[in-house]
N, C-alpha and C. Protein backbone atom coordinates (compact mmCIF):
# COMPACT_ATOMS: atom_id res chain seq x y z
N MET A 1 -31.92 -53.44 -40.48
CA MET A 1 -32.13 -52.98 -41.85
C MET A 1 -33.57 -53.24 -42.27
N GLU A 2 -34.17 -52.28 -42.89
CA GLU A 2 -35.57 -52.36 -43.28
C GLU A 2 -35.69 -53.07 -44.63
N ARG A 3 -36.68 -53.95 -44.73
CA ARG A 3 -36.93 -54.65 -46.00
C ARG A 3 -37.56 -53.69 -47.00
N ARG A 4 -37.23 -53.89 -48.26
CA ARG A 4 -37.82 -53.06 -49.32
C ARG A 4 -39.22 -53.56 -49.64
N SER A 5 -40.08 -52.63 -49.98
CA SER A 5 -41.43 -53.01 -50.40
C SER A 5 -41.38 -53.53 -51.83
N LYS A 6 -42.43 -54.21 -52.23
CA LYS A 6 -42.52 -54.71 -53.60
C LYS A 6 -42.46 -53.55 -54.59
N VAL A 7 -43.13 -52.46 -54.27
CA VAL A 7 -43.13 -51.29 -55.16
C VAL A 7 -41.71 -50.74 -55.31
N SER A 8 -40.97 -50.71 -54.21
CA SER A 8 -39.60 -50.22 -54.24
C SER A 8 -38.71 -51.13 -55.10
N ILE A 9 -38.91 -52.42 -55.00
CA ILE A 9 -38.14 -53.37 -55.82
C ILE A 9 -38.48 -53.21 -57.30
N LEU A 10 -39.77 -53.06 -57.60
CA LEU A 10 -40.17 -52.85 -58.99
C LEU A 10 -39.53 -51.57 -59.53
N HIS A 11 -39.54 -50.52 -58.72
CA HIS A 11 -38.90 -49.27 -59.12
C HIS A 11 -37.41 -49.49 -59.39
N ASP A 12 -36.73 -50.21 -58.50
CA ASP A 12 -35.29 -50.44 -58.67
C ASP A 12 -35.00 -51.18 -59.97
N ILE A 13 -35.82 -52.15 -60.30
CA ILE A 13 -35.64 -52.91 -61.55
C ILE A 13 -35.85 -52.00 -62.76
N LEU A 14 -36.96 -51.28 -62.77
CA LEU A 14 -37.27 -50.41 -63.91
C LEU A 14 -36.26 -49.28 -64.03
N HIS A 15 -35.84 -48.73 -62.89
CA HIS A 15 -34.86 -47.63 -62.90
C HIS A 15 -33.51 -48.11 -63.43
N THR A 16 -33.13 -49.33 -63.07
CA THR A 16 -31.87 -49.89 -63.58
C THR A 16 -31.92 -50.01 -65.10
N ILE A 17 -33.04 -50.49 -65.63
CA ILE A 17 -33.19 -50.60 -67.09
C ILE A 17 -33.13 -49.20 -67.71
N GLN A 18 -33.81 -48.25 -67.10
CA GLN A 18 -33.83 -46.88 -67.62
C GLN A 18 -32.42 -46.28 -67.65
N LYS A 19 -31.66 -46.50 -66.57
CA LYS A 19 -30.29 -45.97 -66.50
C LYS A 19 -29.40 -46.53 -67.60
N ASN A 20 -29.71 -47.72 -68.06
CA ASN A 20 -28.92 -48.37 -69.11
C ASN A 20 -29.49 -48.08 -70.50
N GLY A 21 -30.15 -46.96 -70.65
CA GLY A 21 -30.66 -46.55 -71.95
C GLY A 21 -31.97 -47.20 -72.33
N GLY A 22 -32.69 -47.76 -71.37
CA GLY A 22 -33.98 -48.38 -71.64
C GLY A 22 -33.89 -49.83 -72.06
N LYS A 23 -32.67 -50.39 -72.06
CA LYS A 23 -32.45 -51.77 -72.48
C LYS A 23 -31.33 -52.34 -71.63
N SER A 24 -31.58 -53.48 -70.98
CA SER A 24 -30.58 -54.00 -70.05
C SER A 24 -30.56 -55.52 -70.05
N LYS A 25 -29.36 -56.07 -69.83
CA LYS A 25 -29.20 -57.52 -69.68
C LYS A 25 -29.67 -57.91 -68.27
N PRO A 26 -30.15 -59.15 -68.12
CA PRO A 26 -30.59 -59.61 -66.80
C PRO A 26 -29.53 -59.46 -65.71
N THR A 27 -28.27 -59.71 -66.05
CA THR A 27 -27.20 -59.61 -65.05
C THR A 27 -27.06 -58.19 -64.53
N HIS A 28 -27.17 -57.20 -65.42
CA HIS A 28 -27.08 -55.81 -65.00
C HIS A 28 -28.25 -55.45 -64.09
N ILE A 29 -29.42 -55.98 -64.40
CA ILE A 29 -30.60 -55.72 -63.57
C ILE A 29 -30.41 -56.38 -62.20
N LEU A 30 -29.88 -57.59 -62.20
CA LEU A 30 -29.65 -58.33 -60.96
C LEU A 30 -28.80 -57.51 -59.99
N TYR A 31 -27.69 -56.97 -60.48
CA TYR A 31 -26.81 -56.19 -59.62
C TYR A 31 -27.40 -54.81 -59.30
N GLY A 32 -28.00 -54.17 -60.31
CA GLY A 32 -28.55 -52.84 -60.12
C GLY A 32 -29.70 -52.81 -59.12
N ALA A 33 -30.51 -53.87 -59.11
CA ALA A 33 -31.66 -53.92 -58.21
C ALA A 33 -31.35 -54.70 -56.93
N ASN A 34 -30.14 -55.26 -56.85
CA ASN A 34 -29.69 -55.99 -55.66
C ASN A 34 -30.65 -57.11 -55.27
N LEU A 35 -30.85 -58.03 -56.22
CA LEU A 35 -31.75 -59.16 -56.01
C LEU A 35 -31.04 -60.48 -56.26
N SER A 36 -31.56 -61.53 -55.65
CA SER A 36 -31.07 -62.88 -55.97
C SER A 36 -31.60 -63.27 -57.35
N HIS A 37 -30.98 -64.28 -57.94
CA HIS A 37 -31.40 -64.73 -59.26
C HIS A 37 -32.85 -65.20 -59.27
N ASP A 38 -33.23 -65.97 -58.27
CA ASP A 38 -34.61 -66.48 -58.20
C ASP A 38 -35.63 -65.36 -58.08
N ARG A 39 -35.35 -64.40 -57.20
CA ARG A 39 -36.29 -63.28 -57.04
C ARG A 39 -36.35 -62.43 -58.29
N LEU A 40 -35.21 -62.24 -58.94
CA LEU A 40 -35.18 -61.46 -60.18
C LEU A 40 -36.06 -62.11 -61.24
N LYS A 41 -35.92 -63.43 -61.42
CA LYS A 41 -36.74 -64.14 -62.41
C LYS A 41 -38.22 -63.94 -62.15
N LYS A 42 -38.61 -64.02 -60.87
CA LYS A 42 -40.01 -63.84 -60.50
C LYS A 42 -40.50 -62.43 -60.87
N TYR A 43 -39.71 -61.43 -60.49
CA TYR A 43 -40.12 -60.05 -60.77
C TYR A 43 -40.11 -59.73 -62.25
N LEU A 44 -39.11 -60.22 -62.98
CA LEU A 44 -39.08 -59.96 -64.43
C LEU A 44 -40.29 -60.59 -65.11
N GLY A 45 -40.63 -61.82 -64.71
CA GLY A 45 -41.82 -62.47 -65.28
C GLY A 45 -43.08 -61.67 -65.02
N SER A 46 -43.19 -61.16 -63.82
CA SER A 46 -44.35 -60.35 -63.45
C SER A 46 -44.40 -59.05 -64.25
N LEU A 47 -43.25 -58.39 -64.37
CA LEU A 47 -43.20 -57.11 -65.11
C LEU A 47 -43.48 -57.30 -66.59
N VAL A 48 -43.01 -58.41 -67.16
CA VAL A 48 -43.31 -58.71 -68.57
C VAL A 48 -44.81 -58.99 -68.71
N GLY A 49 -45.35 -59.80 -67.80
CA GLY A 49 -46.77 -60.15 -67.85
C GLY A 49 -47.69 -58.96 -67.72
N GLU A 50 -47.27 -57.97 -66.95
CA GLU A 50 -48.08 -56.76 -66.75
C GLU A 50 -47.81 -55.68 -67.81
N GLY A 51 -46.82 -55.92 -68.68
CA GLY A 51 -46.55 -54.98 -69.78
C GLY A 51 -45.65 -53.81 -69.42
N PHE A 52 -44.92 -53.88 -68.31
CA PHE A 52 -44.02 -52.80 -67.93
C PHE A 52 -42.69 -52.88 -68.68
N ILE A 53 -42.31 -54.10 -69.04
CA ILE A 53 -41.09 -54.34 -69.82
C ILE A 53 -41.39 -55.44 -70.83
N LYS A 54 -40.52 -55.57 -71.81
CA LYS A 54 -40.63 -56.71 -72.73
C LYS A 54 -39.25 -57.33 -72.90
N ARG A 55 -39.25 -58.62 -73.14
CA ARG A 55 -38.00 -59.35 -73.34
C ARG A 55 -37.69 -59.36 -74.83
N VAL A 56 -36.44 -59.06 -75.15
CA VAL A 56 -35.99 -59.02 -76.54
C VAL A 56 -34.73 -59.88 -76.64
N ASP A 57 -34.70 -60.77 -77.61
CA ASP A 57 -33.51 -61.57 -77.85
C ASP A 57 -32.76 -60.96 -79.04
N ASP A 58 -31.47 -60.68 -78.82
CA ASP A 58 -30.66 -60.02 -79.84
C ASP A 58 -29.28 -60.67 -79.86
N GLY A 59 -28.95 -61.30 -80.96
CA GLY A 59 -27.63 -61.93 -81.10
C GLY A 59 -27.37 -63.02 -80.08
N GLY A 60 -28.39 -63.78 -79.73
CA GLY A 60 -28.23 -64.86 -78.77
C GLY A 60 -28.26 -64.42 -77.32
N GLN A 61 -28.46 -63.13 -77.07
CA GLN A 61 -28.55 -62.63 -75.70
C GLN A 61 -29.94 -62.07 -75.45
N SER A 62 -30.36 -62.18 -74.19
CA SER A 62 -31.66 -61.63 -73.80
C SER A 62 -31.47 -60.27 -73.16
N PHE A 63 -32.37 -59.37 -73.50
CA PHE A 63 -32.40 -58.03 -72.92
C PHE A 63 -33.82 -57.75 -72.47
N TYR A 64 -33.95 -56.84 -71.53
CA TYR A 64 -35.26 -56.35 -71.12
C TYR A 64 -35.34 -54.88 -71.47
N VAL A 65 -36.46 -54.51 -72.08
CA VAL A 65 -36.66 -53.16 -72.59
C VAL A 65 -37.87 -52.55 -71.92
N LEU A 66 -37.74 -51.29 -71.50
CA LEU A 66 -38.86 -50.57 -70.89
C LEU A 66 -39.94 -50.30 -71.93
N THR A 67 -41.17 -50.46 -71.54
CA THR A 67 -42.30 -50.09 -72.40
C THR A 67 -42.81 -48.72 -71.95
N GLN A 68 -43.76 -48.20 -72.67
CA GLN A 68 -44.38 -46.92 -72.29
C GLN A 68 -44.99 -47.04 -70.89
N LYS A 69 -45.60 -48.15 -70.61
CA LYS A 69 -46.22 -48.37 -69.29
C LYS A 69 -45.15 -48.34 -68.19
N GLY A 70 -43.99 -48.92 -68.46
CA GLY A 70 -42.89 -48.90 -67.50
C GLY A 70 -42.39 -47.49 -67.26
N LEU A 71 -42.28 -46.71 -68.32
CA LEU A 71 -41.86 -45.31 -68.18
C LEU A 71 -42.88 -44.50 -67.38
N GLU A 72 -44.15 -44.77 -67.61
CA GLU A 72 -45.20 -44.07 -66.86
C GLU A 72 -45.15 -44.45 -65.38
N PHE A 73 -44.86 -45.71 -65.08
CA PHE A 73 -44.71 -46.13 -63.69
C PHE A 73 -43.60 -45.34 -63.01
N LEU A 74 -42.43 -45.24 -63.67
CA LEU A 74 -41.31 -44.52 -63.09
C LEU A 74 -41.64 -43.05 -62.85
N SER A 75 -42.30 -42.44 -63.82
CA SER A 75 -42.68 -41.03 -63.69
C SER A 75 -43.64 -40.82 -62.52
N THR A 76 -44.64 -41.67 -62.43
CA THR A 76 -45.62 -41.56 -61.34
C THR A 76 -44.99 -41.87 -59.99
N TYR A 77 -44.11 -42.87 -59.94
CA TYR A 77 -43.42 -43.21 -58.70
C TYR A 77 -42.62 -42.01 -58.20
N ASN A 78 -41.91 -41.35 -59.11
CA ASN A 78 -41.10 -40.20 -58.71
C ASN A 78 -41.95 -39.04 -58.22
N LYS A 79 -43.10 -38.83 -58.84
CA LYS A 79 -44.03 -37.79 -58.37
C LYS A 79 -44.53 -38.12 -56.98
N MET A 80 -44.89 -39.38 -56.76
CA MET A 80 -45.39 -39.80 -55.45
C MET A 80 -44.30 -39.67 -54.39
N LYS A 81 -43.08 -40.02 -54.75
CA LYS A 81 -41.96 -39.93 -53.81
C LYS A 81 -41.75 -38.48 -53.37
N ARG A 82 -41.80 -37.55 -54.34
CA ARG A 82 -41.67 -36.12 -54.00
C ARG A 82 -42.84 -35.67 -53.14
N PHE A 83 -44.05 -36.10 -53.46
CA PHE A 83 -45.23 -35.70 -52.71
C PHE A 83 -45.14 -36.16 -51.26
N PHE A 84 -44.86 -37.45 -51.08
CA PHE A 84 -44.76 -37.98 -49.72
C PHE A 84 -43.56 -37.39 -48.98
N GLY A 85 -42.46 -37.15 -49.70
CA GLY A 85 -41.29 -36.55 -49.09
C GLY A 85 -41.57 -35.17 -48.53
N ALA A 86 -42.48 -34.43 -49.17
CA ALA A 86 -42.85 -33.10 -48.68
C ALA A 86 -43.51 -33.18 -47.32
N PHE A 87 -44.04 -34.34 -46.97
CA PHE A 87 -44.69 -34.55 -45.67
C PHE A 87 -43.82 -35.39 -44.73
N GLY A 88 -42.57 -35.60 -45.14
CA GLY A 88 -41.65 -36.34 -44.30
C GLY A 88 -41.86 -37.84 -44.28
N VAL A 89 -42.55 -38.34 -45.30
CA VAL A 89 -42.83 -39.78 -45.37
C VAL A 89 -42.05 -40.36 -46.55
N SER A 90 -41.29 -41.43 -46.27
CA SER A 90 -40.55 -42.05 -47.36
C SER A 90 -41.32 -43.27 -47.89
N ILE A 91 -41.16 -43.51 -49.19
CA ILE A 91 -41.82 -44.68 -49.79
C ILE A 91 -40.77 -45.59 -50.37
């Protein structure tokens, strides 16, 4: 089995949040992106720090929300995937 690249993992996290209406609980992201708890914490911290998502506390629960930068990443990733796919290269 081939290991996922960091870019692929970031996409999986952001895509999971997007599928849940742009707002998702950490547990949903954990399962959707198929990551361990420790790795998820690392990636979420990085994505928040880079401005791709933001953490929102609502009613005692934490959620992660996509930012405009996160949406732009997903859009660009999908364009690149189609481009490379046209040449038989997967990303």
